[in-house]
C-alpha atoms as a PDB file:
ATOM      1  CA  MET A   1       0.000   0.000   0.000  1.00  0.00           C
ATOM      2  CA  ILE A   2       2.836   2.319   0.849  1.00  0.00           C
ATOM      3  CA  HIS A   3       4.512   1.591  -2.450  1.00  0.00           C
ATOM      4  CA  ALA A   4       1.224   2.138  -4.307  1.00  0.00           C
ATOM      5  CA  ARG A   5       0.727   5.510  -2.634  1.00  0.00           C
ATOM      6  CA  MET A   6       4.300   6.528  -3.482  1.00  0.00           C
ATOM      7  CA  LEU A   7       3.792   5.447  -7.075  1.00  0.00           C
ATOM      8  CA  ARG A   8       0.533   7.389  -7.313  1.00  0.00           C
ATOM      9  CA  THR A   9       2.249  10.485  -5.883  1.00  0.00           C
ATOM     10  CA  ALA A  10       5.084  10.135  -8.365  1.00  0.00           C
ATOM     11  CA  ILE A  11       2.630   9.772 -11.254  1.00  0.00           C
ATOM     12  CA  LEU A  12       0.663  12.823 -10.157  1.00  0.00           C
ATOM     13  CA  SER A  13       3.877  14.854  -9.755  1.00  0.00           C
ATOM     14  CA  ALA A  14       5.048  13.843 -13.216  1.00  0.00           C
ATOM     15  CA  ALA A  15       1.650  14.731 -14.646  1.00  0.00           C
ATOM     16  CA  ALA A  16       1.794  18.139 -12.989  1.00  0.00           C
ATOM     17  CA  VAL A  17       5.254  18.810 -14.407  1.00  0.00           C
ATOM     18  CA  LEU A  18       4.085  17.689 -17.850  1.00  0.00           C
ATOM     19  CA  ALA A  19       0.975  19.859 -17.631  1.00  0.00           C
ATOM     20  CA  ALA A  20       3.072  22.849 -16.604  1.00  0.00           C
ATOM     21  CA  GLY A  21       5.384  22.214 -19.551  1.00  0.00           C
ATOM     22  CA  ILE A  22       2.444  22.013 -21.952  1.00  0.00           C
ATOM     23  CA  ALA A  23       0.955  25.234 -20.557  1.00  0.00           C
ATOM     24  CA  HIS A  24       4.365  26.892 -20.813  1.00  0.00           C
ATOM     25  CA  ALA A  25       4.740  25.817 -24.447  1.00  0.00           C
ATOM     26  CA  ASP A  26       1.179  26.677 -25.438  1.00  0.00           C
ATOM     27  CA  TRP A  27       0.940  30.248 -24.119  1.00  0.00           C
ATOM     28  CA  GLN A  28       0.442  32.802 -26.869  1.00  0.00           C
ATOM     29  CA  PRO A  29      -0.737  36.400 -26.901  1.00  0.00           C
ATOM     30  CA  THR A  30      -4.457  36.866 -27.439  1.00  0.00           C
ATOM     31  CA  LYS A  31      -4.552  40.620 -28.025  1.00  0.00           C
ATOM     32  CA  PRO A  32      -2.218  43.249 -29.535  1.00  0.00           C
ATOM     33  CA  LEU A  33       1.185  43.650 -27.922  1.00  0.00           C
ATOM     34  CA  GLU A  34       2.116  47.141 -26.732  1.00  0.00           C
ATOM     35  CA  ILE A  35       5.781  48.130 -26.793  1.00  0.00           C
ATOM     36  CA  ILE A  36       6.409  51.173 -24.594  1.00  0.00           C
ATOM     37  CA  VAL A  37       9.343  53.447 -25.487  1.00  0.00           C
ATOM     38  CA  HIS A  38      10.757  56.516 -23.748  1.00  0.00           C
ATOM     39  CA  THR A  39      11.273  58.574 -26.906  1.00  0.00           C
ATOM     40  CA  GLY A  40       8.839  60.447 -29.084  1.00  0.00           C
ATOM     41  CA  PRO A  41       8.111  59.477 -32.695  1.00  0.00           C
ATOM     42  CA  GLY A  42      11.365  59.322 -34.651  1.00  0.00           C
ATOM     43  CA  GLY A  43      13.553  58.735 -31.574  1.00  0.00           C
ATOM     44  CA  GLY A  44      15.980  55.820 -31.487  1.00  0.00           C
ATOM     45  CA  SER A  45      13.832  53.477 -29.380  1.00  0.00           C
ATOM     46  CA  ASP A  46      10.709  54.437 -31.329  1.00  0.00           C
ATOM     47  CA  LEU A  47      12.366  53.563 -34.642  1.00  0.00           C
ATOM     48  CA  LEU A  48      13.677  50.264 -33.265  1.00  0.00           C
ATOM     49  CA  ALA A  49      10.280  49.313 -31.824  1.00  0.00           C
ATOM     50  CA  ARG A  50       8.559  49.965 -35.146  1.00  0.00           C
ATOM     51  CA  ALA A  51      11.257  48.008 -36.973  1.00  0.00           C
ATOM     52  CA  ILE A  52      10.740  45.095 -34.564  1.00  0.00           C
ATOM     53  CA  ALA A  53       6.985  45.223 -35.168  1.00  0.00           C
ATOM     54  CA  ASN A  54       7.507  45.142 -38.938  1.00  0.00           C
ATOM     55  CA  MET A  55      10.065  42.338 -38.796  1.00  0.00           C
ATOM     56  CA  MET A  56       8.012  40.159 -36.454  1.00  0.00           C
ATOM     57  CA  GLU A  57       5.017  40.579 -38.770  1.00  0.00           C
ATOM     58  CA  LYS A  58       7.090  39.863 -41.871  1.00  0.00           C
ATOM     59  CA  GLU A  59       8.655  36.762 -40.310  1.00  0.00           C
ATOM     60  CA  LYS A  60       5.266  35.642 -38.885  1.00  0.00           C
ATOM     61  CA  LEU A  61       6.686  35.325 -35.372  1.00  0.00           C
ATOM     62  CA  VAL A  62       3.592  36.481 -33.464  1.00  0.00           C
ATOM     63  CA  PRO A  63      -0.143  35.983 -34.106  1.00  0.00           C
ATOM     64  CA  VAL A  64      -1.154  39.497 -33.019  1.00  0.00           C
ATOM     65  CA  ARG A  65      -0.502  43.092 -34.052  1.00  0.00           C
ATOM     66  CA  ILE A  66       2.207  45.124 -32.322  1.00  0.00           C
ATOM     67  CA  GLN A  67       1.582  48.725 -31.285  1.00  0.00           C
ATOM     68  CA  VAL A  68       4.216  51.259 -30.202  1.00  0.00           C
ATOM     69  CA  MET A  69       3.325  53.518 -27.277  1.00  0.00           C
ATOM     70  CA  ASN A  70       5.421  56.681 -26.803  1.00  0.00           C
ATOM     71  CA  LYS A  71       5.943  57.718 -23.168  1.00  0.00           C
ATOM     72  CA  PRO A  72       8.656  60.404 -23.290  1.00  0.00           C
ATOM     73  CA  GLY A  73       9.949  62.248 -20.257  1.00  0.00           C
ATOM     74  CA  GLY A  74      12.464  61.901 -17.466  1.00  0.00           C
ATOM     75  CA  ASN A  75      15.082  60.011 -19.489  1.00  0.00           C
ATOM     76  CA  GLY A  76      13.039  56.827 -19.255  1.00  0.00           C
ATOM     77  CA  ALA A  77      11.356  57.514 -15.893  1.00  0.00           C
ATOM     78  CA  VAL A  78       7.888  58.075 -17.383  1.00  0.00           C
ATOM     79  CA  ALA A  79       8.078  54.967 -19.578  1.00  0.00           C
ATOM     80  CA  ALA A  80       9.415  52.836 -16.706  1.00  0.00           C
ATOM     81  CA  ALA A  81       6.492  53.900 -14.516  1.00  0.00           C
ATOM     82  CA  ALA A  82       4.032  53.121 -17.319  1.00  0.00           C
ATOM     83  CA  ILE A  83       5.434  49.592 -17.690  1.00  0.00           C
ATOM     84  CA  SER A  84       5.402  49.019 -13.923  1.00  0.00           C
ATOM     85  CA  GLU A  85       1.754  50.072 -13.725  1.00  0.00           C
ATOM     86  CA  LYS A  86       0.856  47.227 -16.101  1.00  0.00           C
ATOM     87  CA  ASN A  87       1.760  44.876 -13.234  1.00  0.00           C
ATOM     88  CA  ASP A  88       1.158  41.339 -14.611  1.00  0.00           C
ATOM     89  CA  ASP A  89      -0.021  42.193 -18.132  1.00  0.00           C
ATOM     90  CA  PRO A  90       1.500  39.646 -20.560  1.00  0.00           C
ATOM     91  CA  HIS A  91       0.764  41.915 -23.536  1.00  0.00           C
ATOM     92  CA  THR A  92       3.091  44.807 -22.604  1.00  0.00           C
ATOM     93  CA  LEU A  93       6.824  45.127 -23.181  1.00  0.00           C
ATOM     94  CA  GLY A  94       9.263  48.016 -23.009  1.00  0.00           C
ATOM     95  CA  LEU A  95      12.449  48.891 -24.884  1.00  0.00           C
ATOM     96  CA  ILE A  96      15.239  50.235 -22.698  1.00  0.00           C
ATOM     97  CA  THR A  97      18.669  51.773 -23.260  1.00  0.00           C
ATOM     98  CA  SER A  98      21.532  52.389 -20.848  1.00  0.00           C
ATOM     99  CA  VAL A  99      20.007  55.753 -19.906  1.00  0.00           C
ATOM    100  CA  TRP A 100      17.346  53.791 -17.989  1.00  0.00           C
ATOM    101  CA  ILE A 101      20.189  52.491 -15.824  1.00  0.00           C
ATOM    102  CA  ALA A 102      22.102  55.765 -15.532  1.00  0.00           C
ATOM    103  CA  ASN A 103      19.289  58.208 -14.831  1.00  0.00           C
ATOM    104  CA  PRO A 104      17.921  56.667 -11.588  1.00  0.00           C
ATOM    105  CA  LEU A 105      21.441  56.713 -10.142  1.00  0.00           C
ATOM    106  CA  THR A 106      21.492  60.513 -10.164  1.00  0.00           C
ATOM    107  CA  THR A 107      17.887  61.543  -9.596  1.00  0.00           C
ATOM    108  CA  SER A 108      15.473  60.554  -6.859  1.00  0.00           C
ATOM    109  CA  GLU A 109      12.571  61.575  -9.121  1.00  0.00           C
ATOM    110  CA  ALA A 110      12.845  58.211 -10.876  1.00  0.00           C
ATOM    111  CA  LYS A 111      10.525  56.136  -8.670  1.00  0.00           C
ATOM    112  CA  VAL A 112      10.769  53.003 -10.854  1.00  0.00           C
ATOM    113  CA  THR A 113      14.107  51.582 -12.001  1.00  0.00           C
ATOM    114  CA  VAL A 114      15.017  48.730 -14.339  1.00  0.00           C
ATOM    115  CA  HIS A 115      15.461  46.554 -11.246  1.00  0.00           C
ATOM    116  CA  ASP A 116      11.706  46.872 -10.653  1.00  0.00           C
ATOM    117  CA  LEU A 117      10.908  45.458 -14.105  1.00  0.00           C
ATOM    118  CA  LYS A 118      11.216  41.913 -15.470  1.00  0.00           C
ATOM    119  CA  PRO A 119      14.177  41.365 -17.838  1.00  0.00           C
ATOM    120  CA  ILE A 120      13.282  39.674 -21.130  1.00  0.00           C
ATOM    121  CA  ALA A 121      16.310  39.958 -23.423  1.00  0.00           C
ATOM    122  CA  GLN A 122      19.254  42.136 -24.389  1.00  0.00           C
ATOM    123  CA  LEU A 123      19.159  42.672 -28.138  1.00  0.00           C
ATOM    124  CA  MET A 124      22.246  44.616 -29.142  1.00  0.00           C
ATOM    125  CA  LEU A 125      24.997  47.049 -28.340  1.00  0.00           C
ATOM    126  CA  GLU A 126      24.785  50.402 -30.078  1.00  0.00           C
ATOM    127  CA  PRO A 127      28.175  51.721 -31.168  1.00  0.00           C
ATOM    128  CA  ALA A 128      28.921  55.396 -31.691  1.00  0.00           C
ATOM    129  CA  VAL A 129      31.660  57.533 -33.208  1.00  0.00           C
ATOM    130  CA  PHE A 130      33.493  60.724 -32.339  1.00  0.00           C
ATOM    131  CA  ALA A 131      32.954  63.186 -35.178  1.00  0.00           C
ATOM    132  CA  VAL A 132      34.095  66.706 -36.074  1.00  0.00           C
ATOM    133  CA  ARG A 133      33.256  69.004 -38.949  1.00  0.00           C
ATOM    134  CA  ALA A 134      34.888  68.030 -42.229  1.00  0.00           C
ATOM    135  CA  ASP A 135      36.905  71.274 -42.188  1.00  0.00           C
ATOM    136  CA  SER A 136      38.059  70.804 -38.567  1.00  0.00           C
ATOM    137  CA  ARG A 137      41.738  71.164 -37.749  1.00  0.00           C
ATOM    138  CA  TYR A 138      41.590  67.818 -35.934  1.00  0.00           C
ATOM    139  CA  LYS A 139      42.453  64.795 -38.048  1.00  0.00           C
ATOM    140  CA  THR A 140      42.702  62.374 -35.106  1.00  0.00           C
ATOM    141  CA  LEU A 141      41.170  62.081 -31.648  1.00  0.00           C
ATOM    142  CA  LYS A 142      44.662  62.436 -30.177  1.00  0.00           C
ATOM    143  CA  GLU A 143      45.007  65.881 -31.759  1.00  0.00           C
ATOM    144  CA  PHE A 144      41.734  66.941 -30.135  1.00  0.00           C
ATOM    145  CA  ILE A 145      42.729  65.512 -26.744  1.00  0.00           C
ATOM    146  CA  ASP A 146      46.171  67.166 -26.909  1.00  0.00           C
ATOM    147  CA  ASP A 147      44.610  70.537 -27.703  1.00  0.00           C
ATOM    148  CA  ALA A 148      42.046  70.117 -24.902  1.00  0.00           C
ATOM    149  CA  ARG A 149      44.889  69.375 -22.503  1.00  0.00           C
ATOM    150  CA  ALA A 150      46.773  72.478 -23.674  1.00  0.00           C
ATOM    151  CA  ARG A 151      43.667  74.702 -23.459  1.00  0.00           C
ATOM    152  CA  PRO A 152      41.575  73.376 -20.550  1.00  0.00           C
ATOM    153  CA  GLY A 153      37.857  74.080 -20.839  1.00  0.00           C
ATOM    154  CA  GLN A 154      38.060  75.988 -24.117  1.00  0.00           C
ATOM    155  CA  LEU A 155      36.944  73.228 -26.484  1.00  0.00           C
ATOM    156  CA  LYS A 156      33.318  72.110 -26.491  1.00  0.00           C
ATOM    157  CA  GLN A 157      31.380  68.903 -27.055  1.00  0.00           C
ATOM    158  CA  SER A 158      27.659  68.787 -27.778  1.00  0.00           C
ATOM    159  CA  GLY A 159      25.594  66.040 -26.187  1.00  0.00           C
ATOM    160  CA  GLY A 160      22.518  65.038 -24.220  1.00  0.00           C
ATOM    161  CA  SER A 161      22.032  64.920 -20.465  1.00  0.00           C
ATOM    162  CA  VAL A 162      24.842  64.569 -17.919  1.00  0.00           C
ATOM    163  CA  THR A 163      23.969  60.857 -17.641  1.00  0.00           C
ATOM    164  CA  SER A 164      24.025  60.282 -21.415  1.00  0.00           C
ATOM    165  CA  ARG A 165      26.669  58.174 -23.109  1.00  0.00           C
ATOM    166  CA  ASP A 166      28.047  61.362 -24.700  1.00  0.00           C
ATOM    167  CA  ASN A 167      29.034  62.759 -21.316  1.00  0.00           C
ATOM    168  CA  ILE A 168      30.000  59.430 -19.757  1.00  0.00           C
ATOM    169  CA  VAL A 169      32.618  58.709 -22.425  1.00  0.00           C
ATOM    170  CA  ARG A 170      33.830  62.318 -22.131  1.00  0.00           C
ATOM    171  CA  GLN A 171      34.271  61.890 -18.380  1.00  0.00           C
ATOM    172  CA  THR A 172      36.102  58.596 -18.889  1.00  0.00           C
ATOM    173  CA  LEU A 173      38.535  60.107 -21.401  1.00  0.00           C
ATOM    174  CA  GLN A 174      39.124  63.186 -19.258  1.00  0.00           C
ATOM    175  CA  HIS A 175      39.928  61.006 -16.268  1.00  0.00           C
ATOM    176  CA  ALA A 176      42.344  58.874 -18.320  1.00  0.00           C
ATOM    177  CA  THR A 177      44.138  61.726 -20.123  1.00  0.00           C
ATOM    178  CA  GLY A 178      43.952  64.746 -17.834  1.00  0.00           C
ATOM    179  CA  ALA A 179      42.408  66.796 -20.649  1.00  0.00           C
ATOM    180  CA  LYS A 180      39.412  69.016 -19.948  1.00  0.00           C
ATOM    181  CA  TRP A 181      36.757  70.235 -22.347  1.00  0.00           C
ATOM    182  CA  ALA A 182      33.244  71.612 -21.907  1.00  0.00           C
ATOM    183  CA  PHE A 183      30.001  69.719 -22.382  1.00  0.00           C
ATOM    184  CA  VAL A 184      27.027  71.553 -23.914  1.00  0.00           C
ATOM    185  CA  SER A 185      23.730  69.757 -23.347  1.00  0.00           C
ATOM    186  CA  PHE A 186      20.918  69.766 -25.918  1.00  0.00           C
ATOM    187  CA  PRO A 187      17.530  68.015 -25.665  1.00  0.00           C
ATOM    188  CA  GLY A 188      17.566  66.496 -29.157  1.00  0.00           C
ATOM    189  CA  GLY A 189      20.015  64.857 -31.532  1.00  0.00           C
ATOM    190  CA  GLY A 190      19.193  67.302 -34.308  1.00  0.00           C
ATOM    191  CA  GLU A 191      20.175  70.250 -32.110  1.00  0.00           C
ATOM    192  CA  ARG A 192      23.427  68.570 -31.085  1.00  0.00           C
ATOM    193  CA  LEU A 193      24.350  67.997 -34.713  1.00  0.00           C
ATOM    194  CA  ALA A 194      23.326  71.524 -35.714  1.00  0.00           C
ATOM    195  CA  ALA A 195      25.586  72.941 -32.996  1.00  0.00           C
ATOM    196  CA  LEU A 196      28.535  71.030 -34.440  1.00  0.00           C
ATOM    197  CA  LEU A 197      27.804  71.854 -38.073  1.00  0.00           C
ATOM    198  CA  GLY A 198      27.263  75.504 -37.129  1.00  0.00           C
ATOM    199  CA  GLY A 199      30.653  75.744 -35.457  1.00  0.00           C
ATOM    200  CA  HIS A 200      29.271  76.313 -31.945  1.00  0.00           C
ATOM    201  CA  VAL A 201      30.995  73.176 -30.597  1.00  0.00           C
ATOM    202  CA  ASP A 202      34.092  71.277 -31.690  1.00  0.00           C
ATOM    203  CA  ILE A 203      33.169  67.601 -31.423  1.00  0.00           C
ATOM    204  CA  MET A 204      30.288  65.229 -30.712  1.00  0.00           C
ATOM    205  CA  VAL A 205      29.422  61.584 -30.153  1.00  0.00           C
ATOM    206  CA  ILE A 206      26.964  60.444 -32.803  1.00  0.00           C
ATOM    207  CA  GLU A 207      25.358  57.198 -33.966  1.00  0.00           C
ATOM    208  CA  PRO A 208      27.226  55.550 -36.865  1.00  0.00           C
ATOM    209  CA  GLN A 209      24.330  55.593 -39.305  1.00  0.00           C
ATOM    210  CA  GLU A 210      23.613  59.299 -38.810  1.00  0.00           C
ATOM    211  CA  ALA A 211      27.303  60.122 -38.998  1.00  0.00           C
ATOM    212  CA  GLY A 212      27.581  58.181 -42.242  1.00  0.00           C
ATOM    213  CA  GLU A 213      24.945  60.342 -43.893  1.00  0.00           C
ATOM    214  CA  GLN A 214      26.869  63.483 -42.927  1.00  0.00           C
ATOM    215  CA  VAL A 215      30.237  62.005 -43.960  1.00  0.00           C
ATOM    216  CA  ARG A 216      28.878  61.134 -47.411  1.00  0.00           C
ATOM    217  CA  ALA A 217      27.511  64.679 -47.662  1.00  0.00           C
ATOM    218  CA  GLY A 218      31.001  66.029 -46.966  1.00  0.00           C
ATOM    219  CA  LYS A 219      30.011  67.660 -43.669  1.00  0.00           C
ATOM    220  CA  LEU A 220      31.611  65.445 -40.998  1.00  0.00           C
ATOM    221  CA  ARG A 221      34.823  63.533 -40.363  1.00  0.00           C
ATOM    222  CA  VAL A 222      34.948  60.531 -38.025  1.00  0.00           C
ATOM    223  CA  LEU A 223      37.935  60.459 -35.656  1.00  0.00           C
ATOM    224  CA  ALA A 224      37.312  57.266 -33.665  1.00  0.00           C
ATOM    225  CA  GLN A 225      34.738  54.578 -32.966  1.00  0.00           C
ATOM    226  CA  LEU A 226      33.154  53.545 -29.673  1.00  0.00           C
ATOM    227  CA  SER A 227      33.070  49.857 -30.543  1.00  0.00           C
ATOM    228  CA  GLU A 228      35.002  46.683 -29.792  1.00  0.00           C
ATOM    229  CA  SER A 229      36.106  46.324 -33.414  1.00  0.00           C
ATOM    230  CA  ARG A 230      35.881  48.482 -36.527  1.00  0.00           C
ATOM    231  CA  LEU A 231      32.413  48.714 -37.986  1.00  0.00           C
ATOM    232  CA  PRO A 232      31.910  47.693 -41.634  1.00  0.00           C
ATOM    233  CA  GLY A 233      30.875  51.237 -42.519  1.00  0.00           C
ATOM    234  CA  TYR A 234      34.048  52.758 -41.054  1.00  0.00           C
ATOM    235  CA  PRO A 235      36.941  50.492 -42.023  1.00  0.00           C
ATOM    236  CA  ASP A 236      39.466  53.359 -41.863  1.00  0.00           C
ATOM    237  CA  ALA A 237      38.409  54.879 -38.526  1.00  0.00           C
ATOM    238  CA  PRO A 238      40.196  53.428 -35.463  1.00  0.00           C
ATOM    239  CA  THR A 239      38.511  52.197 -32.319  1.00  0.00           C
ATOM    240  CA  LEU A 240      39.318  54.124 -29.141  1.00  0.00           C
ATOM    241  CA  LYS A 241      41.913  51.493 -28.235  1.00  0.00           C
ATOM    242  CA  GLU A 242      43.505  51.665 -31.670  1.00  0.00           C
ATOM    243  CA  ALA A 243      43.563  55.443 -31.376  1.00  0.00           C
ATOM    244  CA  GLY A 244      45.689  55.115 -28.253  1.00  0.00           C
ATOM    245  CA  PHE A 245      43.009  55.322 -25.563  1.00  0.00           C
ATOM    246  CA  ASP A 246      42.696  51.956 -23.834  1.00  0.00           C
ATOM    247  CA  VAL A 247      39.727  52.908 -21.674  1.00  0.00           C
ATOM    248  CA  ARG A 248      36.620  51.002 -20.701  1.00  0.00           C
ATOM    249  CA  THR A 249      33.556  52.539 -22.322  1.00  0.00           C
ATOM    250  CA  THR A 250      30.208  51.687 -20.761  1.00  0.00           C
ATOM    251  CA  PRO A 251      28.136  50.019 -23.494  1.00  0.00           C
ATOM    252  CA  GLN A 252      24.911  51.463 -24.806  1.00  0.00           C
ATOM    253  CA  ILE A 253      22.505  48.537 -24.730  1.00  0.00           C
ATOM    254  CA  ARG A 254      19.103  48.136 -26.271  1.00  0.00           C
ATOM    255  CA  ALA A 255      17.022  45.572 -24.446  1.00  0.00           C
ATOM    256  CA  VAL A 256      13.499  44.390 -23.684  1.00  0.00           C
ATOM    257  CA  VAL A 257      11.791  44.419 -20.285  1.00  0.00           C
ATOM    258  CA  ALA A 258       8.300  43.574 -19.075  1.00  0.00           C
ATOM    259  CA  PRO A 259       5.909  44.491 -16.250  1.00  0.00           C
ATOM    260  CA  PRO A 260       7.222  43.226 -12.904  1.00  0.00           C
ATOM    261  CA  ARG A 261       4.707  40.410 -12.416  1.00  0.00           C
ATOM    262  CA  MET A 262       4.348  39.163 -15.969  1.00  0.00           C
ATOM    263  CA  PRO A 263       3.660  35.397 -15.698  1.00  0.00           C
ATOM    264  CA  ALA A 264       6.707  33.200 -16.265  1.00  0.00           C
ATOM    265  CA  ASP A 265       5.193  31.419 -19.269  1.00  0.00           C
ATOM    266  CA  ALA A 266       4.480  34.731 -21.014  1.00  0.00           C
ATOM    267  CA  ALA A 267       7.976  36.041 -20.230  1.00  0.00           C
ATOM    268  CA  ALA A 268       9.488  32.835 -21.624  1.00  0.00           C
ATOM    269  CA  TYR A 269       7.348  33.181 -24.752  1.00  0.00           C
ATOM    270  CA  TRP A 270       8.576  36.711 -25.457  1.00  0.00           C
ATOM    271  CA  GLU A 271      12.179  35.796 -24.711  1.00  0.00           C
ATOM    272  CA  GLY A 272      11.837  32.985 -27.246  1.00  0.00           C
ATOM    273  CA  ARG A 273      10.284  35.277 -29.852  1.00  0.00           C
ATOM    274  CA  PHE A 274      13.218  37.682 -29.664  1.00  0.00           C
ATOM    275  CA  ASP A 275      15.640  34.770 -29.823  1.00  0.00           C
ATOM    276  CA  LYS A 276      13.871  33.654 -33.019  1.00  0.00           C
ATOM    277  CA  LEU A 277      13.856  37.209 -34.394  1.00  0.00           C
ATOM    278  CA  ARG A 278      17.629  37.611 -34.072  1.00  0.00           C
ATOM    279  CA  GLN A 279      18.119  34.547 -36.272  1.00  0.00           C
ATOM    280  CA  THR A 280      16.071  35.900 -39.169  1.00  0.00           C
ATOM    281  CA  ALA A 281      17.417  37.463 -42.353  1.00  0.00           C
ATOM    282  CA  SER A 282      15.376  40.605 -41.614  1.00  0.00           C
ATOM    283  CA  TRP A 283      17.119  41.143 -38.275  1.00  0.00           C
ATOM    284  CA  LYS A 284      20.606  40.465 -39.627  1.00  0.00           C
ATOM    285  CA  LYS A 285      20.041  43.004 -42.396  1.00  0.00           C
ATOM    286  CA  TYR A 286      18.731  45.579 -39.905  1.00  0.00           C
ATOM    287  CA  VAL A 287      21.796  45.169 -37.687  1.00  0.00           C
ATOM    288  CA  LEU A 288      24.157  45.492 -40.655  1.00  0.00           C
ATOM    289  CA  ASP A 289      22.359  48.439 -42.254  1.00  0.00           C
ATOM    290  CA  ASN A 290      22.303  50.381 -38.984  1.00  0.00           C
ATOM    291  CA  GLN A 291      25.923  49.639 -37.998  1.00  0.00           C
ATOM    292  CA  LEU A 292      24.891  47.885 -34.780  1.00  0.00           C
ATOM    293  CA  GLU A 293      26.583  45.127 -32.769  1.00  0.00           C
ATOM    294  CA  GLU A 294      24.381  42.148 -32.005  1.00  0.00           C
ATOM    295  CA  SER A 295      24.691  41.074 -28.380  1.00  0.00           C
ATOM    296  CA  PHE A 296      21.765  38.835 -27.517  1.00  0.00           C
ATOM    297  CA  LEU A 297      21.336  37.766 -23.914  1.00  0.00           C
ATOM    298  CA  PRO A 298      18.286  36.019 -22.411  1.00  0.00           C
ATOM    299  CA  GLY A 299      16.543  37.454 -19.367  1.00  0.00           C
ATOM    300  CA  ALA A 300      19.020  36.200 -16.773  1.00  0.00           C
ATOM    301  CA  GLY A 301      21.928  37.449 -18.869  1.00  0.00           C
ATOM    302  CA  LEU A 302      20.295  40.858 -19.281  1.00  0.00           C
ATOM    303  CA  SER A 303      19.906  41.122 -15.504  1.00  0.00           C
ATOM    304  CA  LYS A 304      23.650  40.510 -15.047  1.00  0.00           C
ATOM    305  CA  SER A 305      24.454  42.979 -17.831  1.00  0.00           C
ATOM    306  CA  ILE A 306      22.374  45.693 -16.146  1.00  0.00           C
ATOM    307  CA  THR A 307      24.140  45.094 -12.826  1.00  0.00           C
ATOM    308  CA  GLU A 308      27.577  45.361 -14.464  1.00  0.00           C
ATOM    309  CA  ILE A 309      26.675  48.531 -16.389  1.00  0.00           C
ATOM    310  CA  GLU A 310      25.340  50.090 -13.207  1.00  0.00           C
ATOM    311  CA  ARG A 311      28.613  49.285 -11.404  1.00  0.00           C
ATOM    312  CA  GLU A 312      30.647  50.911 -14.172  1.00  0.00           C
ATOM    313  CA  LEU A 313      28.414  53.976 -14.196  1.00  0.00           C
ATOM    314  CA  ARG A 314      28.832  54.448 -10.455  1.00  0.00           C
ATOM    315  CA  GLU A 315      32.602  54.464 -10.930  1.00  0.00           C
ATOM    316  CA  VAL A 316      32.417  57.030 -13.724  1.00  0.00           C
ATOM    317  CA  PHE A 317      30.060  59.292 -11.766  1.00  0.00           C
ATOM    318  CA  THR A 318      32.287  59.069  -8.690  1.00  0.00           C
ATOM    319  CA  GLN A 319      35.344  60.022 -10.741  1.00  0.00           C
ATOM    320  CA  ALA A 320      33.437  62.948 -12.262  1.00  0.00           C
ATOM    321  CA  GLY A 321      32.106  64.176  -8.914  1.00  0.00           C
ATOM    322  CA  ILE A 322      28.503  63.488  -9.958  1.00  0.00           C
ATOM    323  CA  LYS A 323      26.390  62.679  -6.905  1.00  0.00           C
ATOM    324  CA  THR A 324      24.470  59.402  -6.897  1.00  0.00           C
ATOM    325  CA  VAL A 325      21.268  58.960  -4.924  1.00  0.00           C
ATOM    326  CA  ARG A 326      21.008  55.150  -5.069  1.00  0.00           C
END
């Protein structure tokens, strides 16, 4: 009798595991997916979200429509709060960048951080380049750094907020070289570029694709790349290390998160969909065309990546004298 009871218990346990596996495998969305982004229409995350929607539809990866919801404000704080408020909704995702990690470190106004959301997948690293006007006196990044060291505070760089990658890489280089140059903050990428082209600043950090358009138009020159290896579109431009600056640059990630209590089977479904997406011809072409670096990590890997980026950012902010609140 004892053996029979044990056998029955084992059978029931196995059945429960099997049922859970079937439920896990069978979950699918039943209504449109909303992807929340922190930029307005035309911003980097907005464009990526719409590209993802188009590619997933083209590759027939999901049975529902995908809608992009713009929640700008607070360098990701507004969008993070909107995702958190969805609680356990399996039909909501969010696209994050490294600014979602950096901003809460320096402002207590950010009530929700990436640690309060469920990690789904890291999709890619977004390289950047240092660029100057085509008629600039600087032919290399070393020439700019040497001049900034000789004339502290007189040269200028256009960029975003103090927690943006633009300023973080500036702070890292200043700490490593002893050079000092000013940082002029602008709310939008178009204004940052206009300041450089208009001669109001001397240098900027810009996305490779946008820089390429200006290089082909004869308006910009690329001095160095913020990437692990040379990008296909810039075979003649050195990486920071090749340019003589062996510094650690905090990566700009683009990743997917979900509401904090999204059910595990739904989270696993979306993680799997993005894993499938990265293997498609559409995705590979998008990465190549936009000069991106694929760096896929599943949810657990994304969580570790966020923790490491946050550690590096704390170090940079400490070196720069920027106060952290968390």
